Amino acid sequence: MAKQANLYSFPSVPEHLAPALRAYVISCQEAGLARHNVFKVAVSGGSLPKTLAQALLAPSTGPADQVKWDKWEIFFADERAVPLDHPDSNYFLLKQELLDKISGPQPTVHPIDVEYLNDTQELADQYEQVLVKSFASRDSVKLPIFDLLLLGCGPDGHTCSLFPGHELLRETSAWVAPIEDSPKPPPRRVTLTLPVVTHAVRIAFVATGAGKREVMKQIFEEGAAGGLPCALVNEGAGERASWFVDADAVEGVSYPRRPFSL
């Protein structure tokens, strides 16, 4: 039987979850640097950037606990078709919560090209070309393989801008796809596709709060049969997917927790 996603539950976010997430990210960073001397990460929005900031901006405890920002290439797992200074922009959110607070060497960041906001297909195509330039030509690489995806989970089980029951879940060839009818505003977005997400070396989901409890039950008890995008990622990635959750989010969820270790 294929190994399942890891579920790590913590009593609190600042004292327990954030330090564990930091250790996990740094472990993925070191593996990426060993592979190709760069750390390629894609990040989503929502409440995730705030938790990332708690984890990654904490003071280093020693040589093995260093975020090497100048080696990071940051992409967006999904983005809204809005200007980069718009409150709905995932880039703007990450910039406010995390990027503006990084001192010293800076990461390379790849936002969307706002020249194409009026045409989401072109916006997606242009962002795919950014990936092609970074990950090698489409002729030689079927899918880009990120070192780490840092994702959230919506109360409906969506992740990136992949929504339950949406036709985009069946996309198999594009790396980045447009969506014009997101059930959650704003409706016009671009997103990494499901095959790109599930091919990442590692995937970390962060889900906190009692508001996530019902959807966590569906994801972990019904699995992929329930059709929720987060569950489809778990199925596709298996043990390469790890969930960092607080106790409130998984209270009553019957799925084995694992003690966190690297």
Protein backbone atom coordinates (compact mmCIF):
# COMPACT_ATOMS: atom_id res chain seq x y z
CA MET A 1 0.00 0.00 0.00
CA ALA A 2 1.29 3.47 -0.88
CA LYS A 3 2.45 5.51 2.07
CA GLN A 4 0.03 8.18 3.22
CA ALA A 5 0.36 11.88 3.86
CA ASN A 6 1.90 12.88 7.20
CA LEU A 7 -0.39 14.60 9.69
CA TYR A 8 1.48 16.59 12.34
CA SER A 9 -0.66 18.17 15.05
CA PHE A 10 0.62 20.81 17.47
CA PRO A 11 -0.86 22.35 20.63
CA SER A 12 -0.25 25.91 19.45
CA VAL A 13 0.97 27.75 16.35
CA PRO A 14 3.65 30.16 17.66
CA GLU A 15 5.29 27.87 20.22
CA HIS A 16 5.08 24.50 18.45
CA LEU A 17 3.82 24.52 14.86
CA ALA A 18 5.93 27.44 13.61
CA PRO A 19 9.29 26.05 14.85
CA ALA A 20 8.48 22.62 13.36
CA LEU A 21 7.49 24.20 10.04
CA ARG A 22 10.74 26.16 10.08
CA ALA A 23 12.76 22.98 10.62
CA TYR A 24 10.87 21.25 7.81
CA VAL A 25 11.37 24.13 5.37
CA ILE A 26 15.09 24.38 6.18
CA SER A 27 15.43 20.62 5.65
CA CYS A 28 13.76 21.01 2.21
CA GLN A 29 16.00 24.03 1.53
CA GLU A 30 19.17 22.03 2.23
CA ALA A 31 17.98 19.16 0.02
CA GLY A 32 17.24 21.61 -2.81
CA LEU A 33 20.64 23.27 -2.47
CA ALA A 34 22.33 19.87 -2.54
CA ARG A 35 20.45 19.01 -5.74
CA HIS A 36 20.87 22.21 -7.75
CA ASN A 37 22.24 25.01 -5.54
CA VAL A 38 18.91 26.83 -5.51
CA PHE A 39 15.68 26.38 -3.54
CA LYS A 40 12.55 26.58 -5.69
CA VAL A 41 9.41 27.18 -3.69
CA ALA A 42 5.81 28.00 -4.58
CA VAL A 43 3.59 29.70 -2.00
CA SER A 44 -0.15 30.29 -1.77
CA GLY A 45 -2.02 33.03 0.09
CA GLY A 46 -4.71 33.16 2.75
CA SER A 47 -3.50 32.81 6.33
CA LEU A 48 -0.34 30.96 5.21
CA PRO A 49 2.03 33.97 4.81
CA LYS A 50 1.45 35.01 8.42
CA THR A 51 2.36 31.54 9.70
CA LEU A 52 5.35 31.44 7.36
CA ALA A 53 6.55 34.73 8.80
CA GLN A 54 6.27 33.35 12.35
CA ALA A 55 8.35 30.35 11.27
CA LEU A 56 10.95 31.86 8.97
CA LEU A 57 11.64 35.24 10.55
CA ALA A 58 12.49 33.73 13.94
CA PRO A 59 16.12 34.16 15.04
CA SER A 60 18.50 31.40 13.96
CA THR A 61 19.56 29.00 16.71
CA GLY A 62 22.79 28.00 14.96
CA PRO A 63 24.49 27.03 11.68
CA ALA A 64 21.99 24.23 10.93
CA ASP A 65 19.04 26.60 11.43
CA GLN A 66 19.60 29.19 8.72
CA VAL A 67 17.15 30.40 6.11
CA LYS A 68 19.40 31.12 3.11
CA TRP A 69 17.14 33.67 1.46
CA ASP A 70 19.55 34.54 -1.35
CA LYS A 71 19.24 30.94 -2.60
CA TRP A 72 15.43 31.01 -2.70
CA GLU A 73 13.36 31.36 -5.87
CA ILE A 74 9.79 32.09 -4.82
CA PHE A 75 6.87 31.47 -7.17
CA PHE A 76 3.14 31.74 -6.55
CA ALA A 77 1.06 28.56 -6.42
CA ASP A 78 -1.87 30.72 -7.43
CA GLU A 79 -2.54 34.39 -7.93
CA ARG A 80 -5.50 36.68 -8.43
CA ALA A 81 -5.74 38.75 -11.62
CA VAL A 82 -5.33 42.04 -9.75
CA PRO A 83 -2.52 44.64 -9.50
CA LEU A 84 0.39 43.67 -7.25
CA ASP A 85 -0.52 46.33 -4.68
CA HIS A 86 -4.16 45.19 -4.48
CA PRO A 87 -5.36 43.75 -1.13
CA ASP A 88 -6.49 40.57 -2.95
CA SER A 89 -3.01 39.93 -4.40
CA ASN A 90 -1.16 36.95 -2.93
CA TYR A 91 2.10 38.70 -3.81
CA PHE A 92 1.01 41.78 -1.85
CA LEU A 93 0.07 39.59 1.13
CA LEU A 94 3.39 37.75 1.10
CA LYS A 95 5.24 41.04 0.67
CA GLN A 96 3.50 42.60 3.67
CA GLU A 97 3.76 39.59 5.97
CA LEU A 98 7.16 38.22 5.01
CA LEU A 99 9.20 39.70 2.16
CA ASP A 100 9.36 43.28 3.49
CA LYS A 101 10.66 41.96 6.82
CA ILE A 102 13.62 39.99 5.45
CA SER A 103 16.88 41.71 6.32
CA GLY A 104 20.11 41.07 4.46
CA PRO A 105 20.27 39.03 1.24
CA GLN A 106 16.93 38.82 -0.54
CA PRO A 107 15.16 35.97 -2.33
CA THR A 108 14.34 36.03 -6.04
CA VAL A 109 10.58 36.52 -6.34
CA HIS A 110 8.46 35.82 -9.44
CA PRO A 111 5.14 37.73 -9.40
CA ILE A 112 2.65 37.63 -12.27
CA ASP A 113 3.04 40.06 -15.18
CA VAL A 114 0.33 42.68 -14.59
CA GLU A 115 0.44 43.68 -18.25
CA TYR A 116 -1.90 40.74 -18.91
CA LEU A 117 -4.49 41.22 -16.17
CA ASN A 118 -7.31 41.58 -18.70
CA ASP A 119 -6.65 38.18 -20.29
CA THR A 120 -6.30 35.34 -17.77
CA GLN A 121 -5.28 32.80 -20.43
CA GLU A 122 -2.40 35.03 -21.50
CA LEU A 123 -1.60 35.74 -17.84
CA ALA A 124 -1.37 31.97 -17.21
CA ASP A 125 0.68 31.42 -20.38
CA GLN A 126 3.13 34.16 -19.42
CA TYR A 127 3.55 32.75 -15.92
CA GLU A 128 4.09 29.29 -17.37
CA GLN A 129 6.90 30.80 -19.46
CA VAL A 130 8.49 32.08 -16.23
CA LEU A 131 8.47 28.48 -15.00
CA VAL A 132 9.86 27.21 -18.30
CA LYS A 133 12.79 29.65 -18.03
CA SER A 134 13.54 28.49 -14.50
CA PHE A 135 12.90 24.76 -14.80
CA ALA A 136 14.13 24.11 -18.38
CA SER A 137 12.26 23.87 -21.65
CA ARG A 138 8.94 22.08 -21.92
CA ASP A 139 10.52 19.76 -24.48
CA SER A 140 12.90 18.36 -21.91
CA VAL A 141 10.71 18.53 -18.80
CA LYS A 142 7.16 17.19 -18.70
CA LEU A 143 6.44 18.98 -15.44
CA PRO A 144 8.37 21.43 -13.27
CA ILE A 145 9.47 19.84 -10.00
CA PHE A 146 9.42 22.33 -7.13
CA ASP A 147 11.60 21.62 -4.12
CA LEU A 148 8.69 22.63 -1.88
CA LEU A 149 5.12 23.81 -2.18
CA LEU A 150 3.73 25.74 0.79
CA LEU A 151 -0.04 25.55 0.63
CA GLY A 152 -3.17 26.34 2.59
CA CYS A 153 -6.50 24.57 2.73
CA GLY A 154 -9.81 26.40 2.32
CA PRO A 155 -12.88 25.48 4.37
CA ASP A 156 -14.27 23.90 1.18
CA GLY A 157 -11.14 21.78 0.69
CA HIS A 158 -9.65 23.90 -2.09
CA THR A 159 -5.94 24.54 -2.40
CA CYS A 160 -4.12 26.91 -4.76
CA SER A 161 -7.09 27.97 -6.92
CA LEU A 162 -8.18 24.38 -7.48
CA PHE A 163 -11.77 24.12 -6.31
CA PRO A 164 -13.97 21.07 -5.60
CA GLY A 165 -15.79 19.80 -8.67
CA HIS A 166 -14.14 22.32 -11.01
CA GLU A 167 -13.10 21.23 -14.50
CA LEU A 168 -9.57 22.53 -13.83
CA LEU A 169 -8.97 19.44 -11.67
CA ARG A 170 -8.92 17.43 -14.91
CA GLU A 171 -6.24 19.57 -16.58
CA THR A 172 -3.27 17.36 -17.43
CA SER A 173 -1.03 19.27 -19.85
CA ALA A 174 -0.80 22.91 -18.72
CA TRP A 175 1.54 23.90 -15.90
CA VAL A 176 -0.38 27.08 -15.11
CA ALA A 177 -4.08 27.48 -15.89
CA PRO A 178 -6.54 30.37 -15.81
CA ILE A 179 -9.80 30.36 -13.89
CA GLU A 180 -12.55 32.89 -14.60
CA ASP A 181 -15.23 31.54 -12.27
CA SER A 182 -13.62 30.99 -8.90
CA PRO A 183 -16.41 30.30 -6.37
CA LYS A 184 -14.45 32.44 -3.95
CA PRO A 185 -13.86 36.09 -4.94
CA PRO A 186 -12.09 37.45 -6.82
CA PRO A 187 -13.28 35.16 -9.65
CA ARG A 188 -10.38 35.72 -12.09
CA ARG A 189 -7.15 33.92 -11.17
CA VAL A 190 -4.29 31.73 -12.36
CA THR A 191 -3.13 28.58 -10.61
CA LEU A 192 -0.63 25.78 -10.75
CA THR A 193 -2.37 22.66 -12.04
CA LEU A 194 -2.88 19.47 -10.02
CA PRO A 195 -0.11 17.46 -11.78
CA VAL A 196 2.41 20.23 -11.03
CA VAL A 197 1.34 20.31 -7.39
CA THR A 198 1.55 16.55 -6.90
CA HIS A 199 4.97 16.31 -8.60
CA ALA A 200 6.72 18.58 -6.10
CA VAL A 201 9.53 16.99 -4.09
CA ARG A 202 7.74 18.03 -0.89
CA ILE A 203 4.37 19.63 -0.12
CA ALA A 204 3.56 21.29 3.18
CA PHE A 205 -0.02 22.21 4.03
CA VAL A 206 -0.75 24.54 6.93
CA ALA A 207 -4.29 24.45 8.38
CA THR A 208 -5.24 25.93 11.72
CA GLY A 209 -8.34 26.73 13.75
CA ALA A 210 -11.63 25.03 14.56
CA GLY A 211 -13.09 26.42 11.32
CA LYS A 212 -11.09 23.78 9.42
CA ARG A 213 -12.32 20.84 11.48
CA GLU A 214 -15.15 19.67 9.21
CA VAL A 215 -13.12 19.85 6.03
CA MET A 216 -10.19 18.09 7.70
CA LYS A 217 -12.54 15.22 8.55
CA GLN A 218 -13.58 15.01 4.91
CA ILE A 219 -10.00 15.18 3.59
CA PHE A 220 -8.57 12.58 5.96
CA GLU A 221 -11.54 10.28 6.51
CA GLU A 222 -13.08 10.20 3.03
CA GLY A 223 -9.79 10.61 1.17
CA ALA A 224 -9.68 11.11 -2.59
CA ALA A 225 -13.08 9.45 -2.99
CA GLY A 226 -14.60 12.66 -1.61
CA GLY A 227 -13.04 14.58 -4.51
CA LEU A 228 -11.69 17.50 -2.49
CA PRO A 229 -8.58 19.03 -4.09
CA CYS A 230 -6.55 18.75 -0.87
CA ALA A 231 -7.40 15.05 -0.69
CA LEU A 232 -6.43 14.60 -4.35
CA VAL A 233 -3.04 16.14 -3.55
CA ASN A 234 -2.65 13.75 -0.61
CA GLU A 235 -3.44 10.82 -2.88
CA GLY A 236 -1.06 11.95 -5.62
CA ALA A 237 1.83 12.87 -3.34
CA GLY A 238 1.49 10.29 -0.55
CA GLU A 239 4.22 10.65 2.07
CA ARG A 240 5.71 13.64 0.21
CA ALA A 241 2.76 15.65 1.58
CA SER A 242 2.90 16.82 5.20
CA TRP A 243 0.20 18.67 7.11
CA PHE A 244 1.09 21.12 9.86
CA VAL A 245 -2.07 21.68 11.88
CA ASP A 246 -3.09 22.80 15.33
CA ALA A 247 -5.13 20.61 17.66
CA ASP A 248 -8.31 22.64 17.03
CA ALA A 249 -8.25 21.85 13.31
CA VAL A 250 -8.13 18.08 13.76
CA GLU A 251 -10.14 17.51 16.93
CA GLY A 252 -12.23 14.39 16.31
CA VAL A 253 -10.49 13.52 13.05
CA SER A 254 -9.79 9.79 12.93
CA TYR A 255 -6.47 9.62 11.09
CA PRO A 256 -3.12 8.72 12.64
CA ARG A 257 -1.02 11.69 13.75
CA ARG A 258 2.72 11.29 13.55
CA PRO A 259 5.14 12.80 16.01
CA PHE A 260 7.08 15.45 14.11
CA SER A 261 10.63 14.52 13.24
CA LEU A 262 12.95 15.07 10.30
